[in-house]
Amino acid sequence: MIRRRILRFVLNIFPPLFFNRILLKKVSEDYSYMKVKIRRSILNINFHRSIFGGTIFSAFDPYFPTMYYNIFHQKDRKLEIWMKSANIKYKRPATTHLFLEFRISKEEIQEAENELNKKGKHEKWHKVEAINKNGIVCAEAEMLVYLRDNKIKSKVGF
């Protein structure tokens, strides 16, 4: 419980997220779920009074690598993890706060673990939507997360 609170605190004061008004609201006990809120404020609106696209994109970036890192940390497995690629589609202007929910299923964790054991690396696409307070999707992103186990060096290649 303390580790999750510290994680929330650290991510919520991390300057690129803090100044964009991006808040980590909830972290599940097993780190397989995170809920994020982008608060619309004077710090992140454009001339059209909607949330700047860069702010929205920033909200998609750090959470899946953080989730995978903590999931495998609980299994005493240290991995190198980063966002390898991302595609974003802006669908509507974001004129209210936005909410994003990040999920990793047990099957996806098992799939990652199996591939890491065999190949030493794993790549997975995840899709997330940024939804306004009225339930309308304002943006959606697909993100490719890359995991690598440095202990399995002979099989790893880029």
Protein backbone atom coordinates (compact mmCIF):
# COMPACT_ATOMS: atom_id res chain seq x y z
CA MET A 1 0.00 0.00 0.00
CA ILE A 2 2.78 2.44 0.88
CA ARG A 3 4.61 1.71 -2.37
CA ARG A 4 1.47 2.60 -4.39
CA ARG A 5 1.02 5.84 -2.43
CA ILE A 6 4.64 6.80 -3.04
CA LEU A 7 4.27 5.99 -6.74
CA ARG A 8 1.16 8.17 -6.99
CA PHE A 9 2.86 10.99 -5.11
CA VAL A 10 6.02 10.88 -7.23
CA LEU A 11 4.15 10.76 -10.54
CA ASN A 12 1.80 13.53 -9.45
CA ILE A 13 4.69 15.89 -8.62
CA PHE A 14 6.82 14.89 -11.64
CA PRO A 15 7.12 18.27 -13.44
CA PRO A 16 6.10 17.19 -16.99
CA LEU A 17 2.90 15.71 -15.57
CA PHE A 18 2.33 18.22 -12.77
CA PHE A 19 2.50 21.31 -14.99
CA ASN A 20 0.26 19.67 -17.58
CA ARG A 21 -2.25 19.02 -14.76
CA ILE A 22 -2.10 15.23 -15.26
CA LEU A 23 -3.01 13.36 -12.09
CA LEU A 24 -2.72 9.67 -11.27
CA LYS A 25 -5.95 9.12 -9.32
CA LYS A 26 -5.98 5.37 -8.69
CA VAL A 27 -3.58 2.43 -8.75
CA SER A 28 -4.83 -1.11 -8.21
CA GLU A 29 -3.11 -3.28 -5.64
CA ASP A 30 -1.53 -5.48 -8.32
CA TYR A 31 -0.66 -2.49 -10.58
CA SER A 32 -2.79 -3.86 -13.43
CA TYR A 33 -5.08 -0.80 -13.44
CA MET A 34 -4.46 2.93 -13.28
CA LYS A 35 -6.91 5.79 -13.60
CA VAL A 36 -5.61 9.18 -14.75
CA LYS A 37 -7.27 12.58 -14.90
CA ILE A 38 -6.22 15.53 -17.04
CA ARG A 39 -7.50 18.65 -15.34
CA ARG A 40 -8.36 21.40 -17.80
CA SER A 41 -6.67 24.56 -16.55
CA ILE A 42 -5.02 27.76 -17.68
CA LEU A 43 -1.72 25.81 -17.78
CA ASN A 44 -2.83 23.38 -20.49
CA ILE A 45 -5.39 25.07 -22.75
CA ASN A 46 -4.81 26.39 -26.25
CA PHE A 47 -6.27 29.43 -28.04
CA HIS A 48 -9.49 27.52 -28.67
CA ARG A 49 -9.90 26.93 -24.92
CA SER A 50 -9.52 23.16 -25.27
CA ILE A 51 -6.79 21.00 -23.74
CA PHE A 52 -3.56 21.20 -25.73
CA GLY A 53 -2.86 18.04 -27.76
CA GLY A 54 0.63 17.71 -26.29
CA THR A 55 -0.87 17.52 -22.81
CA ILE A 56 -3.20 14.73 -23.91
CA PHE A 57 -0.33 12.86 -25.55
CA SER A 58 1.77 13.26 -22.38
CA ALA A 59 -1.00 11.62 -20.36
CA PHE A 60 -0.80 8.47 -22.47
CA ASP A 61 2.96 8.05 -22.19
CA PRO A 62 4.30 6.87 -18.80
CA TYR A 63 1.67 4.58 -17.33
CA PHE A 64 1.97 1.24 -19.16
CA PRO A 65 5.76 1.02 -18.66
CA THR A 66 5.24 1.94 -14.99
CA MET A 67 2.55 -0.71 -14.61
CA TYR A 68 4.65 -3.46 -16.24
CA TYR A 69 7.69 -2.48 -14.18
CA ASN A 70 5.77 -2.78 -10.90
CA ILE A 71 3.96 -5.97 -11.91
CA PHE A 72 7.27 -7.70 -12.65
CA HIS A 73 8.93 -6.10 -9.61
CA GLN A 74 6.36 -7.93 -7.47
CA LYS A 75 7.56 -11.13 -9.16
CA ASP A 76 11.19 -10.23 -8.31
CA ARG A 77 12.02 -9.74 -11.97
CA LYS A 78 13.85 -6.62 -13.07
CA LEU A 79 13.20 -5.61 -16.66
CA GLU A 80 14.06 -2.77 -18.98
CA ILE A 81 10.75 -1.27 -20.12
CA TRP A 82 9.85 1.68 -22.30
CA MET A 83 7.25 3.01 -24.71
CA LYS A 84 8.59 2.06 -28.13
CA SER A 85 5.93 3.66 -30.30
CA ALA A 86 2.60 5.47 -30.04
CA ASN A 87 -0.16 6.55 -32.40
CA ILE A 88 -2.74 9.08 -31.30
CA LYS A 89 -6.01 10.18 -32.89
CA TYR A 90 -7.64 13.37 -31.69
CA LYS A 91 -11.39 12.99 -32.22
CA ARG A 92 -12.92 16.06 -30.55
CA PRO A 93 -11.70 19.17 -28.77
CA ALA A 94 -11.25 18.47 -25.06
CA THR A 95 -13.18 21.29 -23.41
CA THR A 96 -13.59 19.53 -20.04
CA HIS A 97 -11.42 17.39 -17.78
CA LEU A 98 -10.40 14.08 -19.38
CA PHE A 99 -10.17 10.61 -17.85
CA LEU A 100 -7.98 7.72 -19.00
CA GLU A 101 -8.03 4.14 -17.75
CA PHE A 102 -5.04 1.85 -18.25
CA ARG A 103 -5.52 -1.90 -17.89
CA ILE A 104 -3.29 -4.95 -18.25
CA SER A 105 -5.09 -8.29 -18.04
CA LYS A 106 -3.76 -11.40 -16.33
CA GLU A 107 -3.58 -13.04 -19.77
CA GLU A 108 -1.40 -10.19 -21.09
CA ILE A 109 0.92 -10.51 -18.09
CA GLN A 110 1.19 -14.28 -18.63
CA GLU A 111 1.81 -13.77 -22.35
CA ALA A 112 4.59 -11.27 -21.56
CA GLU A 113 6.15 -13.59 -19.01
CA ASN A 114 6.11 -16.56 -21.40
CA GLU A 115 7.70 -14.56 -24.23
CA LEU A 116 10.29 -13.05 -21.89
CA ASN A 117 11.26 -16.55 -20.74
CA LYS A 118 11.60 -17.77 -24.35
CA LYS A 119 13.03 -14.76 -26.20
CA GLY A 120 14.13 -12.35 -23.52
CA LYS A 121 11.92 -9.59 -24.92
CA HIS A 122 8.25 -8.79 -25.46
CA GLU A 123 6.30 -6.12 -27.33
CA LYS A 124 2.61 -5.40 -26.78
CA TRP A 125 0.19 -2.86 -28.26
CA HIS A 126 -2.31 -1.31 -25.86
CA LYS A 127 -5.20 1.01 -26.67
CA VAL A 128 -6.53 3.73 -24.33
CA GLU A 129 -9.18 6.40 -24.75
CA ALA A 130 -9.30 9.89 -23.25
CA ILE A 131 -12.92 10.47 -22.27
CA ASN A 132 -14.44 13.78 -21.19
CA LYS A 133 -16.83 14.23 -18.26
CA ASN A 134 -19.81 13.69 -20.60
CA GLY A 135 -18.53 10.25 -21.65
CA ILE A 136 -17.38 11.37 -25.12
CA VAL A 137 -14.07 10.06 -26.48
CA CYS A 138 -11.85 13.05 -27.28
CA ALA A 139 -8.69 11.10 -28.15
CA GLU A 140 -7.49 7.55 -28.44
CA ALA A 141 -3.98 6.19 -28.52
CA GLU A 142 -2.30 2.91 -29.34
CA MET A 143 0.98 2.39 -27.56
CA LEU A 144 3.66 -0.23 -28.15
CA VAL A 145 5.35 -1.19 -24.90
CA TYR A 146 8.73 -2.91 -25.07
CA LEU A 147 9.98 -5.20 -22.28
CA ARG A 148 13.44 -6.73 -22.17
CA ASP A 149 15.08 -9.06 -19.68
CA ASN A 150 18.80 -8.23 -19.61
CA LYS A 151 19.62 -11.55 -17.95
CA ILE A 152 18.75 -13.37 -21.19
CA LYS A 153 21.39 -11.71 -23.37
CA SER A 154 22.05 -14.41 -25.97
CA LYS A 155 18.53 -14.30 -27.40
CA VAL A 156 17.92 -10.56 -27.29
CA GLY A 157 18.22 -8.47 -30.43
CA PHE A 158 16.72 -5.18 -31.49
